[in-house]
């Protein structure tokens, strides 16, 4: 069964007007990823100034990153920046999110309407 985090975060990436998700869409486009084909494996607050995330691109590549922004500022997400952008396609299976990533791959492969 696919983690509800994967389903919810992927939906937020694709549809949310919230500043953080809109900014993340824009930043992912800058990395060459199409948000409508990208699956969010995780986005977890790791400190007062950043969240760590992992996504699966439409071509099946897996990336890990940190999203830095001023979380205390009202419009802090509007200036969020990607850092530590790392292609982990060849090593995601040994990471802490291996099971969730495998589930996300299975979920993304299903035709629309079967999620």
PDB file of N, CA and C in Angstrom:
ATOM      1  N   UNK A   1       0.838  -1.178   0.000  1.00  0.00           N
ATOM      2  CA  UNK A   1       0.000   0.000   0.000  1.00  0.00           C
ATOM      3  C   UNK A   1       0.884   1.244   0.000  1.00  0.00           C
ATOM      4  N   UNK A   2       0.559   2.187  -0.833  1.00  0.00           N
ATOM      5  CA  UNK A   2       1.338   3.402  -0.960  1.00  0.00           C
ATOM      6  C   UNK A   2       1.118   4.315   0.234  1.00  0.00           C
ATOM      7  N   UNK A   3       2.188   4.909   0.691  1.00  0.00           N
ATOM      8  CA  UNK A   3       2.113   5.857   1.795  1.00  0.00           C
ATOM      9  C   UNK A   3       1.199   7.018   1.412  1.00  0.00           C
ATOM     10  N   UNK A   4       0.342   7.399   2.351  1.00  0.00           N
ATOM     11  CA  UNK A   4      -0.536   8.535   2.079  1.00  0.00           C
ATOM     12  C   UNK A   4       0.274   9.817   1.908  1.00  0.00           C
ATOM     13  N   UNK A   5       1.482   9.856   2.466  1.00  0.00           N
ATOM     14  CA  UNK A   5       2.341  11.024   2.285  1.00  0.00           C
ATOM     15  C   UNK A   5       2.673  11.199   0.807  1.00  0.00           C
ATOM     16  N   UNK A   6       3.003  10.121   0.137  1.00  0.00           N
ATOM     17  CA  UNK A   6       3.336  10.187  -1.288  1.00  0.00           C
ATOM     18  C   UNK A   6       2.151  10.735  -2.070  1.00  0.00           C
ATOM     19  N   UNK A   7       0.977  10.206  -1.833  1.00  0.00           N
ATOM     20  CA  UNK A   7      -0.226  10.624  -2.555  1.00  0.00           C
ATOM     21  C   UNK A   7      -0.559  12.087  -2.244  1.00  0.00           C
ATOM     22  N   UNK A   8      -0.561  12.438  -0.961  1.00  0.00           N
ATOM     23  CA  UNK A   8      -0.926  13.799  -0.569  1.00  0.00           C
ATOM     24  C   UNK A   8       0.088  14.829  -1.044  1.00  0.00           C
ATOM     25  N   UNK A   9       1.371  14.553  -0.845  1.00  0.00           N
ATOM     26  CA  UNK A   9       2.395  15.519  -1.233  1.00  0.00           C
ATOM     27  C   UNK A   9       2.479  15.668  -2.753  1.00  0.00           C
ATOM     28  N   UNK A  10       2.285  14.582  -3.469  1.00  0.00           N
ATOM     29  CA  UNK A  10       2.297  14.678  -4.932  1.00  0.00           C
ATOM     30  C   UNK A  10       1.122  15.514  -5.414  1.00  0.00           C
ATOM     31  N   UNK A  11      -0.042  15.323  -4.804  1.00  0.00           N
ATOM     32  CA  UNK A  11      -1.200  16.136  -5.153  1.00  0.00           C
ATOM     33  C   UNK A  11      -0.950  17.607  -4.829  1.00  0.00           C
ATOM     34  N   UNK A  12      -0.364  17.879  -3.676  1.00  0.00           N
ATOM     35  CA  UNK A  12      -0.053  19.267  -3.305  1.00  0.00           C
ATOM     36  C   UNK A  12       0.929  19.882  -4.294  1.00  0.00           C
ATOM     37  N   UNK A  13       1.952  19.129  -4.680  1.00  0.00           N
ATOM     38  CA  UNK A  13       2.914  19.644  -5.652  1.00  0.00           C
ATOM     39  C   UNK A  13       2.215  20.038  -6.949  1.00  0.00           C
ATOM     40  N   UNK A  14       1.297  19.224  -7.376  1.00  0.00           N
ATOM     41  CA  UNK A  14       0.654  19.450  -8.676  1.00  0.00           C
ATOM     42  C   UNK A  14      -0.461  20.479  -8.648  1.00  0.00           C
ATOM     43  N   UNK A  15      -1.106  20.690  -7.494  1.00  0.00           N
ATOM     44  CA  UNK A  15      -2.325  21.509  -7.491  1.00  0.00           C
ATOM     45  C   UNK A  15      -2.377  22.648  -6.477  1.00  0.00           C
ATOM     46  N   UNK A  16      -1.554  22.628  -5.445  1.00  0.00           N
ATOM     47  CA  UNK A  16      -1.707  23.597  -4.361  1.00  0.00           C
ATOM     48  C   UNK A  16      -1.278  25.010  -4.763  1.00  0.00           C
ATOM     49  N   UNK A  17      -2.034  25.988  -4.292  1.00  0.00           N
ATOM     50  CA  UNK A  17      -1.687  27.394  -4.482  1.00  0.00           C
ATOM     51  C   UNK A  17      -0.838  27.915  -3.323  1.00  0.00           C
ATOM     52  N   UNK A  18      -0.642  27.086  -2.294  1.00  0.00           N
ATOM     53  CA  UNK A  18       0.167  27.478  -1.148  1.00  0.00           C
ATOM     54  C   UNK A  18       1.574  27.819  -1.634  1.00  0.00           C
ATOM     55  N   UNK A  19       2.143  28.892  -1.102  1.00  0.00           N
ATOM     56  CA  UNK A  19       3.413  29.437  -1.594  1.00  0.00           C
ATOM     57  C   UNK A  19       4.543  28.401  -1.639  1.00  0.00           C
ATOM     58  N   UNK A  20       4.644  27.563  -0.624  1.00  0.00           N
ATOM     59  CA  UNK A  20       5.727  26.581  -0.596  1.00  0.00           C
ATOM     60  C   UNK A  20       5.640  25.625  -1.777  1.00  0.00           C
ATOM     61  N   UNK A  21       4.441  25.130  -2.059  1.00  0.00           N
ATOM     62  CA  UNK A  21       4.284  24.175  -3.157  1.00  0.00           C
ATOM     63  C   UNK A  21       4.427  24.857  -4.511  1.00  0.00           C
ATOM     64  N   UNK A  22       3.927  26.077  -4.640  1.00  0.00           N
ATOM     65  CA  UNK A  22       4.089  26.817  -5.893  1.00  0.00           C
ATOM     66  C   UNK A  22       5.570  27.077  -6.164  1.00  0.00           C
ATOM     67  N   UNK A  23       6.302  27.452  -5.116  1.00  0.00           N
ATOM     68  CA  UNK A  23       7.736  27.708  -5.263  1.00  0.00           C
ATOM     69  C   UNK A  23       8.481  26.418  -5.598  1.00  0.00           C
ATOM     70  N   UNK A  24       8.130  25.314  -4.936  1.00  0.00           N
ATOM     71  CA  UNK A  24       8.782  24.041  -5.225  1.00  0.00           C
ATOM     72  C   UNK A  24       8.530  23.624  -6.670  1.00  0.00           C
ATOM     73  N   UNK A  25       7.313  23.827  -7.167  1.00  0.00           N
ATOM     74  CA  UNK A  25       7.020  23.535  -8.590  1.00  0.00           C
ATOM     75  C   UNK A  25       7.978  24.305  -9.488  1.00  0.00           C
ATOM     76  N   UNK A  26       8.123  25.590  -9.208  1.00  0.00           N
ATOM     77  CA  UNK A  26       8.980  26.459 -10.014  1.00  0.00           C
ATOM     78  C   UNK A  26      10.435  25.998  -9.944  1.00  0.00           C
ATOM     79  N   UNK A  27      10.892  25.658  -8.733  1.00  0.00           N
ATOM     80  CA  UNK A  27      12.273  25.205  -8.564  1.00  0.00           C
ATOM     81  C   UNK A  27      12.525  23.870  -9.263  1.00  0.00           C
ATOM     82  N   UNK A  28      11.571  22.957  -9.201  1.00  0.00           N
ATOM     83  CA  UNK A  28      11.726  21.668  -9.881  1.00  0.00           C
ATOM     84  C   UNK A  28      11.774  21.855 -11.394  1.00  0.00           C
ATOM     85  N   UNK A  29      10.957  22.771 -11.907  1.00  0.00           N
ATOM     86  CA  UNK A  29      11.020  23.072 -13.346  1.00  0.00           C
ATOM     87  C   UNK A  29      12.421  23.549 -13.721  1.00  0.00           C
ATOM     88  N   UNK A  30      13.024  24.342 -12.833  1.00  0.00           N
ATOM     89  CA  UNK A  30      14.378  24.829 -13.062  1.00  0.00           C
ATOM     90  C   UNK A  30      15.414  23.710 -13.111  1.00  0.00           C
ATOM     91  N   UNK A  31      15.098  22.589 -12.494  1.00  0.00           N
ATOM     92  CA  UNK A  31      15.969  21.417 -12.525  1.00  0.00           C
ATOM     93  C   UNK A  31      15.625  20.491 -13.688  1.00  0.00           C
ATOM     94  N   UNK A  32      14.659  20.901 -14.502  1.00  0.00           N
ATOM     95  CA  UNK A  32      14.274  20.101 -15.665  1.00  0.00           C
ATOM     96  C   UNK A  32      13.190  19.076 -15.394  1.00  0.00           C
ATOM     97  N   UNK A  33      12.540  19.145 -14.238  1.00  0.00           N
ATOM     98  CA  UNK A  33      11.485  18.193 -13.894  1.00  0.00           C
ATOM     99  C   UNK A  33      10.114  18.795 -14.185  1.00  0.00           C
ATOM    100  N   UNK A  34       9.220  17.992 -14.701  1.00  0.00           N
ATOM    101  CA  UNK A  34       7.842  18.416 -14.946  1.00  0.00           C
ATOM    102  C   UNK A  34       7.016  18.075 -13.700  1.00  0.00           C
ATOM    103  N   UNK A  35       6.533  19.072 -12.977  1.00  0.00           N
ATOM    104  CA  UNK A  35       5.777  18.795 -11.750  1.00  0.00           C
ATOM    105  C   UNK A  35       4.587  17.864 -11.947  1.00  0.00           C
ATOM    106  N   UNK A  36       3.961  17.909 -13.104  1.00  0.00           N
ATOM    107  CA  UNK A  36       2.802  17.047 -13.344  1.00  0.00           C
ATOM    108  C   UNK A  36       3.194  15.590 -13.586  1.00  0.00           C
ATOM    109  N   UNK A  37       4.492  15.324 -13.686  1.00  0.00           N
ATOM    110  CA  UNK A  37       4.986  13.953 -13.853  1.00  0.00           C
ATOM    111  C   UNK A  37       5.921  13.542 -12.720  1.00  0.00           C
ATOM    112  N   UNK A  38       6.097  14.429 -11.735  1.00  0.00           N
ATOM    113  CA  UNK A  38       6.996  14.187 -10.617  1.00  0.00           C
ATOM    114  C   UNK A  38       6.213  13.666  -9.419  1.00  0.00           C
ATOM    115  N   UNK A  39       6.769  12.684  -8.739  1.00  0.00           N
ATOM    116  CA  UNK A  39       6.160  12.119  -7.536  1.00  0.00           C
ATOM    117  C   UNK A  39       7.003  12.542  -6.333  1.00  0.00           C
ATOM    118  N   UNK A  40       6.342  13.058  -5.310  1.00  0.00           N
ATOM    119  CA  UNK A  40       7.032  13.468  -4.090  1.00  0.00           C
ATOM    120  C   UNK A  40       7.056  12.270  -3.136  1.00  0.00           C
ATOM    121  N   UNK A  41       8.239  11.775  -2.849  1.00  0.00           N
ATOM    122  CA  UNK A  41       8.400  10.668  -1.917  1.00  0.00           C
ATOM    123  C   UNK A  41       8.313  11.197  -0.486  1.00  0.00           C
ATOM    124  N   UNK A  42       8.934  12.356  -0.245  1.00  0.00           N
ATOM    125  CA  UNK A  42       8.913  12.936   1.093  1.00  0.00           C
ATOM    126  C   UNK A  42       9.348  14.389   1.052  1.00  0.00           C
ATOM    127  N   UNK A  43       8.873  15.160   2.003  1.00  0.00           N
ATOM    128  CA  UNK A  43       9.320  16.525   2.254  1.00  0.00           C
ATOM    129  C   UNK A  43       9.132  16.719   3.749  1.00  0.00           C
ATOM    130  N   UNK A  44      10.232  16.746   4.478  1.00  0.00           N
ATOM    131  CA  UNK A  44      10.184  16.708   5.929  1.00  0.00           C
ATOM    132  C   UNK A  44      11.001  17.851   6.518  1.00  0.00           C
ATOM    133  N   UNK A  45      10.388  18.599   7.421  1.00  0.00           N
ATOM    134  CA  UNK A  45      11.094  19.692   8.087  1.00  0.00           C
ATOM    135  C   UNK A  45      12.239  19.117   8.906  1.00  0.00           C
ATOM    136  N   UNK A  46      13.425  19.611   8.649  1.00  0.00           N
ATOM    137  CA  UNK A  46      14.627  19.109   9.324  1.00  0.00           C
ATOM    138  C   UNK A  46      15.290  20.165  10.182  1.00  0.00           C
ATOM    139  N   UNK A  47      14.736  21.318  10.254  1.00  0.00           N
ATOM    140  CA  UNK A  47      15.310  22.386  11.064  1.00  0.00           C
ATOM    141  C   UNK A  47      14.494  23.636  10.883  1.00  0.00           C
ATOM    142  N   UNK A  48      14.892  24.700  11.543  1.00  0.00           N
ATOM    143  CA  UNK A  48      14.113  25.935  11.457  1.00  0.00           C
ATOM    144  C   UNK A  48      14.243  26.653  10.116  1.00  0.00           C
ATOM    145  N   UNK A  49      15.168  26.193   9.271  1.00  0.00           N
ATOM    146  CA  UNK A  49      15.382  26.896   8.011  1.00  0.00           C
ATOM    147  C   UNK A  49      15.294  26.014   6.768  1.00  0.00           C
ATOM    148  N   UNK A  50      14.982  24.721   6.939  1.00  0.00           N
ATOM    149  CA  UNK A  50      14.916  23.901   5.724  1.00  0.00           C
ATOM    150  C   UNK A  50      14.104  22.627   5.924  1.00  0.00           C
ATOM    151  N   UNK A  51      13.739  22.070   4.778  1.00  0.00           N
ATOM    152  CA  UNK A  51      13.065  20.779   4.710  1.00  0.00           C
ATOM    153  C   UNK A  51      13.863  19.916   3.739  1.00  0.00           C
ATOM    154  N   UNK A  52      13.959  18.646   4.047  1.00  0.00           N
ATOM    155  CA  UNK A  52      14.638  17.713   3.154  1.00  0.00           C
ATOM    156  C   UNK A  52      13.591  16.943   2.368  1.00  0.00           C
ATOM    157  N   UNK A  53      13.847  16.778   1.080  1.00  0.00           N
ATOM    158  CA  UNK A  53      12.871  16.113   0.230  1.00  0.00           C
ATOM    159  C   UNK A  53      13.501  15.093  -0.688  1.00  0.00           C
ATOM    160  N   UNK A  54      12.606  14.296  -1.274  1.00  0.00           N
ATOM    161  CA  UNK A  54      13.008  13.313  -2.272  1.00  0.00           C
ATOM    162  C   UNK A  54      11.881  13.201  -3.283  1.00  0.00           C
ATOM    163  N   UNK A  55      12.239  13.181  -4.555  1.00  0.00           N
ATOM    164  CA  UNK A  55      11.247  13.084  -5.623  1.00  0.00           C
ATOM    165  C   UNK A  55      11.685  12.052  -6.657  1.00  0.00           C
ATOM    166  N   UNK A  56      10.682  11.570  -7.386  1.00  0.00           N
ATOM    167  CA  UNK A  56      10.924  10.719  -8.545  1.00  0.00           C
ATOM    168  C   UNK A  56      10.485  11.519  -9.768  1.00  0.00           C
ATOM    169  N   UNK A  57      11.412  11.744 -10.680  1.00  0.00           N
ATOM    170  CA  UNK A  57      11.113  12.488 -11.895  1.00  0.00           C
ATOM    171  C   UNK A  57      10.336  11.608 -12.869  1.00  0.00           C
ATOM    172  N   UNK A  58       9.744  12.236 -13.859  1.00  0.00           N
ATOM    173  CA  UNK A  58       8.968  11.513 -14.858  1.00  0.00           C
ATOM    174  C   UNK A  58       9.757  10.452 -15.592  1.00  0.00           C
ATOM    175  N   UNK A  59      11.077  10.650 -15.702  1.00  0.00           N
ATOM    176  CA  UNK A  59      11.917   9.672 -16.396  1.00  0.00           C
ATOM    177  C   UNK A  59      12.428   8.568 -15.476  1.00  0.00           C
ATOM    178  N   UNK A  60      11.988   8.589 -14.197  1.00  0.00           N
ATOM    179  CA  UNK A  60      12.369   7.553 -13.258  1.00  0.00           C
ATOM    180  C   UNK A  60      13.609   7.841 -12.429  1.00  0.00           C
ATOM    181  N   UNK A  61      14.242   8.975 -12.666  1.00  0.00           N
ATOM    182  CA  UNK A  61      15.405   9.337 -11.861  1.00  0.00           C
ATOM    183  C   UNK A  61      14.918   9.789 -10.484  1.00  0.00           C
ATOM    184  N   UNK A  62      15.720   9.522  -9.460  1.00  0.00           N
ATOM    185  CA  UNK A  62      15.370   9.863  -8.084  1.00  0.00           C
ATOM    186  C   UNK A  62      16.354  10.917  -7.586  1.00  0.00           C
ATOM    187  N   UNK A  63      15.795  11.971  -6.986  1.00  0.00           N
ATOM    188  CA  UNK A  63      16.613  13.071  -6.491  1.00  0.00           C
ATOM    189  C   UNK A  63      16.309  13.357  -5.032  1.00  0.00           C
ATOM    190  N   UNK A  64      17.362  13.707  -4.303  1.00  0.00           N
ATOM    191  CA  UNK A  64      17.238  14.153  -2.917  1.00  0.00           C
ATOM    192  C   UNK A  64      17.698  15.612  -2.892  1.00  0.00           C
ATOM    193  N   UNK A  65      17.096  16.412  -2.016  1.00  0.00           N
ATOM    194  CA  UNK A  65      17.425  17.829  -1.965  1.00  0.00           C
ATOM    195  C   UNK A  65      17.051  18.411  -0.609  1.00  0.00           C
ATOM    196  N   UNK A  66      17.525  19.609  -0.377  1.00  0.00           N
ATOM    197  CA  UNK A  66      17.097  20.407   0.771  1.00  0.00           C
ATOM    198  C   UNK A  66      16.465  21.671   0.224  1.00  0.00           C
ATOM    199  N   UNK A  67      15.379  22.081   0.857  1.00  0.00           N
ATOM    200  CA  UNK A  67      14.659  23.287   0.469  1.00  0.00           C
ATOM    201  C   UNK A  67      14.820  24.280   1.614  1.00  0.00           C
ATOM    202  N   UNK A  68      15.636  25.310   1.388  1.00  0.00           N
ATOM    203  CA  UNK A  68      15.929  26.305   2.419  1.00  0.00           C
ATOM    204  C   UNK A  68      15.062  27.536   2.243  1.00  0.00           C
ATOM    205  N   UNK A  69      14.483  28.002   3.359  1.00  0.00           N
ATOM    206  CA  UNK A  69      13.712  29.246   3.355  1.00  0.00           C
ATOM    207  C   UNK A  69      13.477  29.694   4.784  1.00  0.00           C
ATOM    208  N   UNK A  70      13.099  30.956   4.944  1.00  0.00           N
ATOM    209  CA  UNK A  70      12.823  31.515   6.262  1.00  0.00           C
ATOM    210  C   UNK A  70      11.409  31.111   6.660  1.00  0.00           C
ATOM    211  N   UNK A  71      11.296  30.058   7.454  1.00  0.00           N
ATOM    212  CA  UNK A  71       9.995  29.517   7.817  1.00  0.00           C
ATOM    213  C   UNK A  71       9.210  30.439   8.738  1.00  0.00           C
ATOM    214  N   UNK A  72       9.909  31.341   9.423  1.00  0.00           N
ATOM    215  CA  UNK A  72       9.227  32.256  10.339  1.00  0.00           C
ATOM    216  C   UNK A  72       8.647  33.473   9.617  1.00  0.00           C
ATOM    217  N   UNK A  73       9.182  33.781   8.461  1.00  0.00           N
ATOM    218  CA  UNK A  73       8.705  34.942   7.702  1.00  0.00           C
ATOM    219  C   UNK A  73       7.396  34.617   6.995  1.00  0.00           C
ATOM    220  N   UNK A  74       6.519  35.582   6.960  1.00  0.00           N
ATOM    221  CA  UNK A  74       5.205  35.367   6.338  1.00  0.00           C
ATOM    222  C   UNK A  74       5.311  34.880   4.896  1.00  0.00           C
ATOM    223  N   UNK A  75       6.187  35.488   4.133  1.00  0.00           N
ATOM    224  CA  UNK A  75       6.371  35.108   2.729  1.00  0.00           C
ATOM    225  C   UNK A  75       7.705  34.409   2.490  1.00  0.00           C
ATOM    226  N   UNK A  76       8.220  33.753   3.516  1.00  0.00           N
ATOM    227  CA  UNK A  76       9.530  33.118   3.412  1.00  0.00           C
ATOM    228  C   UNK A  76       9.620  32.076   2.319  1.00  0.00           C
ATOM    229  N   UNK A  77       8.538  31.341   2.087  1.00  0.00           N
ATOM    230  CA  UNK A  77       8.561  30.284   1.071  1.00  0.00           C
ATOM    231  C   UNK A  77       8.756  30.835  -0.339  1.00  0.00           C
ATOM    232  N   UNK A  78       8.389  32.094  -0.546  1.00  0.00           N
ATOM    233  CA  UNK A  78       8.521  32.685  -1.878  1.00  0.00           C
ATOM    234  C   UNK A  78       9.975  32.811  -2.314  1.00  0.00           C
ATOM    235  N   UNK A  79      10.898  32.795  -1.352  1.00  0.00           N
ATOM    236  CA  UNK A  79      12.312  32.907  -1.704  1.00  0.00           C
ATOM    237  C   UNK A  79      13.073  31.607  -1.426  1.00  0.00           C
ATOM    238  N   UNK A  80      12.359  30.506  -1.307  1.00  0.00           N
ATOM    239  CA  UNK A  80      12.989  29.212  -1.041  1.00  0.00           C
ATOM    240  C   UNK A  80      14.003  28.871  -2.131  1.00  0.00           C
ATOM    241  N   UNK A  81      15.056  28.185  -1.722  1.00  0.00           N
ATOM    242  CA  UNK A  81      16.115  27.780  -2.639  1.00  0.00           C
ATOM    243  C   UNK A  81      16.409  26.296  -2.463  1.00  0.00           C
ATOM    244  N   UNK A  82      16.665  25.625  -3.574  1.00  0.00           N
ATOM    245  CA  UNK A  82      17.091  24.228  -3.531  1.00  0.00           C
ATOM    246  C   UNK A  82      18.597  24.175  -3.277  1.00  0.00           C
ATOM    247  N   UNK A  83      18.980  23.290  -2.387  1.00  0.00           N
ATOM    248  CA  UNK A  83      20.402  23.036  -2.140  1.00  0.00           C
ATOM    249  C   UNK A  83      20.593  21.530  -2.039  1.00  0.00           C
ATOM    250  N   UNK A  84      21.823  21.128  -2.186  1.00  0.00           N
ATOM    251  CA  UNK A  84      22.192  19.718  -2.059  1.00  0.00           C
ATOM    252  C   UNK A  84      21.404  18.820  -3.024  1.00  0.00           C
ATOM    253  N   UNK A  85      21.131  19.323  -4.220  1.00  0.00           N
ATOM    254  CA  UNK A  85      20.417  18.560  -5.244  1.00  0.00           C
ATOM    255  C   UNK A  85      21.292  17.379  -5.653  1.00  0.00           C
ATOM    256  N   UNK A  86      20.832  16.165  -5.382  1.00  0.00           N
ATOM    257  CA  UNK A  86      21.651  14.981  -5.600  1.00  0.00           C
ATOM    258  C   UNK A  86      20.853  13.894  -6.316  1.00  0.00           C
ATOM    259  N   UNK A  87      21.417  13.388  -7.385  1.00  0.00           N
ATOM    260  CA  UNK A  87      20.816  12.270  -8.103  1.00  0.00           C
ATOM    261  C   UNK A  87      21.161  10.994  -7.348  1.00  0.00           C
ATOM    262  N   UNK A  88      20.149  10.342  -6.789  1.00  0.00           N
ATOM    263  CA  UNK A  88      20.374   9.107  -6.022  1.00  0.00           C
ATOM    264  C   UNK A  88      19.719   7.905  -6.715  1.00  0.00           C
ATOM    265  N   UNK A  89      19.552   8.018  -8.021  1.00  0.00           N
ATOM    266  CA  UNK A  89      18.902   6.963  -8.787  1.00  0.00           C
ATOM    267  C   UNK A  89      19.549   5.600  -8.566  1.00  0.00           C
ATOM    268  N   UNK A  90      20.864   5.571  -8.474  1.00  0.00           N
ATOM    269  CA  UNK A  90      21.570   4.302  -8.333  1.00  0.00           C
ATOM    270  C   UNK A  90      21.694   3.830  -6.885  1.00  0.00           C
ATOM    271  N   UNK A  91      21.254   4.650  -5.927  1.00  0.00           N
ATOM    272  CA  UNK A  91      21.459   4.262  -4.526  1.00  0.00           C
ATOM    273  C   UNK A  91      20.221   4.398  -3.634  1.00  0.00           C
ATOM    274  N   UNK A  92      19.081   4.812  -4.185  1.00  0.00           N
ATOM    275  CA  UNK A  92      17.907   5.036  -3.335  1.00  0.00           C
ATOM    276  C   UNK A  92      17.476   3.768  -2.597  1.00  0.00           C
ATOM    277  N   UNK A  93      17.750   2.610  -3.155  1.00  0.00           N
ATOM    278  CA  UNK A  93      17.337   1.351  -2.550  1.00  0.00           C
ATOM    279  C   UNK A  93      18.012   1.030  -1.228  1.00  0.00           C
ATOM    280  N   UNK A  94      19.074   1.745  -0.899  1.00  0.00           N
ATOM    281  CA  UNK A  94      19.765   1.515   0.363  1.00  0.00           C
ATOM    282  C   UNK A  94      19.510   2.626   1.373  1.00  0.00           C
ATOM    283  N   UNK A  95      18.715   3.608   1.006  1.00  0.00           N
ATOM    284  CA  UNK A  95      18.451   4.735   1.892  1.00  0.00           C
ATOM    285  C   UNK A  95      17.295   4.491   2.840  1.00  0.00           C
ATOM    286  N   UNK A  96      17.097   5.432   3.740  1.00  0.00           N
ATOM    287  CA  UNK A  96      16.046   5.308   4.753  1.00  0.00           C
ATOM    288  C   UNK A  96      14.640   5.353   4.161  1.00  0.00           C
ATOM    289  N   UNK A  97      14.510   5.871   2.954  1.00  0.00           N
ATOM    290  CA  UNK A  97      13.197   5.948   2.300  1.00  0.00           C
ATOM    291  C   UNK A  97      13.019   4.880   1.219  1.00  0.00           C
ATOM    292  N   UNK A  98      13.792   3.814   1.292  1.00  0.00           N
ATOM    293  CA  UNK A  98      13.771   2.785   0.249  1.00  0.00           C
ATOM    294  C   UNK A  98      12.385   2.177   0.052  1.00  0.00           C
ATOM    295  N   UNK A  99      11.723   1.788   1.131  1.00  0.00           N
ATOM    296  CA  UNK A  99      10.398   1.159   1.008  1.00  0.00           C
ATOM    297  C   UNK A  99       9.384   2.149   0.431  1.00  0.00           C
ATOM    298  N   UNK A 100       9.393   3.377   0.941  1.00  0.00           N
ATOM    299  CA  UNK A 100       8.444   4.369   0.452  1.00  0.00           C
ATOM    300  C   UNK A 100       8.726   4.706  -1.012  1.00  0.00           C
ATOM    301  N   UNK A 101       9.992   4.751  -1.388  1.00  0.00           N
ATOM    302  CA  UNK A 101      10.349   5.035  -2.777  1.00  0.00           C
ATOM    303  C   UNK A 101       9.873   3.910  -3.692  1.00  0.00           C
ATOM    304  N   UNK A 102      10.075   2.678  -3.282  1.00  0.00           N
ATOM    305  CA  UNK A 102       9.601   1.532  -4.072  1.00  0.00           C
ATOM    306  C   UNK A 102       8.085   1.580  -4.231  1.00  0.00           C
ATOM    307  N   UNK A 103       7.378   1.889  -3.146  1.00  0.00           N
ATOM    308  CA  UNK A 103       5.921   2.021  -3.211  1.00  0.00           C
ATOM    309  C   UNK A 103       5.519   3.156  -4.142  1.00  0.00           C
ATOM    310  N   UNK A 104       6.270   4.265  -4.085  1.00  0.00           N
ATOM    311  CA  UNK A 104       5.966   5.410  -4.945  1.00  0.00           C
ATOM    312  C   UNK A 104       6.155   5.058  -6.417  1.00  0.00           C
ATOM    313  N   UNK A 105       7.185   4.277  -6.719  1.00  0.00           N
ATOM    314  CA  UNK A 105       7.383   3.817  -8.095  1.00  0.00           C
ATOM    315  C   UNK A 105       6.190   2.974  -8.544  1.00  0.00           C
ATOM    316  N   UNK A 106       5.734   2.075  -7.698  1.00  0.00           N
ATOM    317  CA  UNK A 106       4.589   1.225  -8.045  1.00  0.00           C
ATOM    318  C   UNK A 106       3.330   2.064  -8.232  1.00  0.00           C
ATOM    319  N   UNK A 107       3.114   3.039  -7.350  1.00  0.00           N
ATOM    320  CA  UNK A 107       1.925   3.888  -7.408  1.00  0.00           C
ATOM    321  C   UNK A 107       1.925   4.755  -8.674  1.00  0.00           C
ATOM    322  N   UNK A 108       3.057   5.323  -9.009  1.00  0.00           N
ATOM    323  CA  UNK A 108       3.118   6.214 -10.173  1.00  0.00           C
ATOM    324  C   UNK A 108       2.910   5.466 -11.476  1.00  0.00           C
ATOM    325  N   UNK A 109       3.143   4.160 -11.452  1.00  0.00           N
ATOM    326  CA  UNK A 109       2.988   3.368 -12.660  1.00  0.00           C
ATOM    327  C   UNK A 109       1.567   2.993 -12.980  1.00  0.00           C
ATOM    328  N   UNK A 110       0.647   3.224 -12.036  1.00  0.00           N
ATOM    329  CA  UNK A 110      -0.747   2.879 -12.255  1.00  0.00           C
ATOM    330  C   UNK A 110      -1.431   3.937 -13.119  1.00  0.00           C
ATOM    331  N   UNK A 111      -2.342   3.521 -13.965  1.00  0.00           N
ATOM    332  CA  UNK A 111      -3.086   4.492 -14.765  1.00  0.00           C
ATOM    333  C   UNK A 111      -3.909   5.425 -13.875  1.00  0.00           C
ATOM    334  N   UNK A 112      -4.114   6.631 -14.346  1.00  0.00           N
ATOM    335  CA  UNK A 112      -4.910   7.607 -13.606  1.00  0.00           C
ATOM    336  C   UNK A 112      -6.267   7.020 -13.245  1.00  0.00           C
ATOM    337  N   UNK A 113      -6.711   7.282 -12.025  1.00  0.00           N
ATOM    338  CA  UNK A 113      -8.000   6.784 -11.569  1.00  0.00           C
ATOM    339  C   UNK A 113      -7.892   5.521 -10.735  1.00  0.00           C
ATOM    340  N   UNK A 114      -6.701   4.901 -10.729  1.00  0.00           N
ATOM    341  CA  UNK A 114      -6.523   3.671  -9.958  1.00  0.00           C
ATOM    342  C   UNK A 114      -5.698   3.894  -8.709  1.00  0.00           C
ATOM    343  N   UNK A 115      -5.529   5.125  -8.317  1.00  0.00           N
ATOM    344  CA  UNK A 115      -4.687   5.434  -7.166  1.00  0.00           C
ATOM    345  C   UNK A 115      -5.531   5.370  -5.970  1.00  0.00           C
TER     346      UNK A 115
END
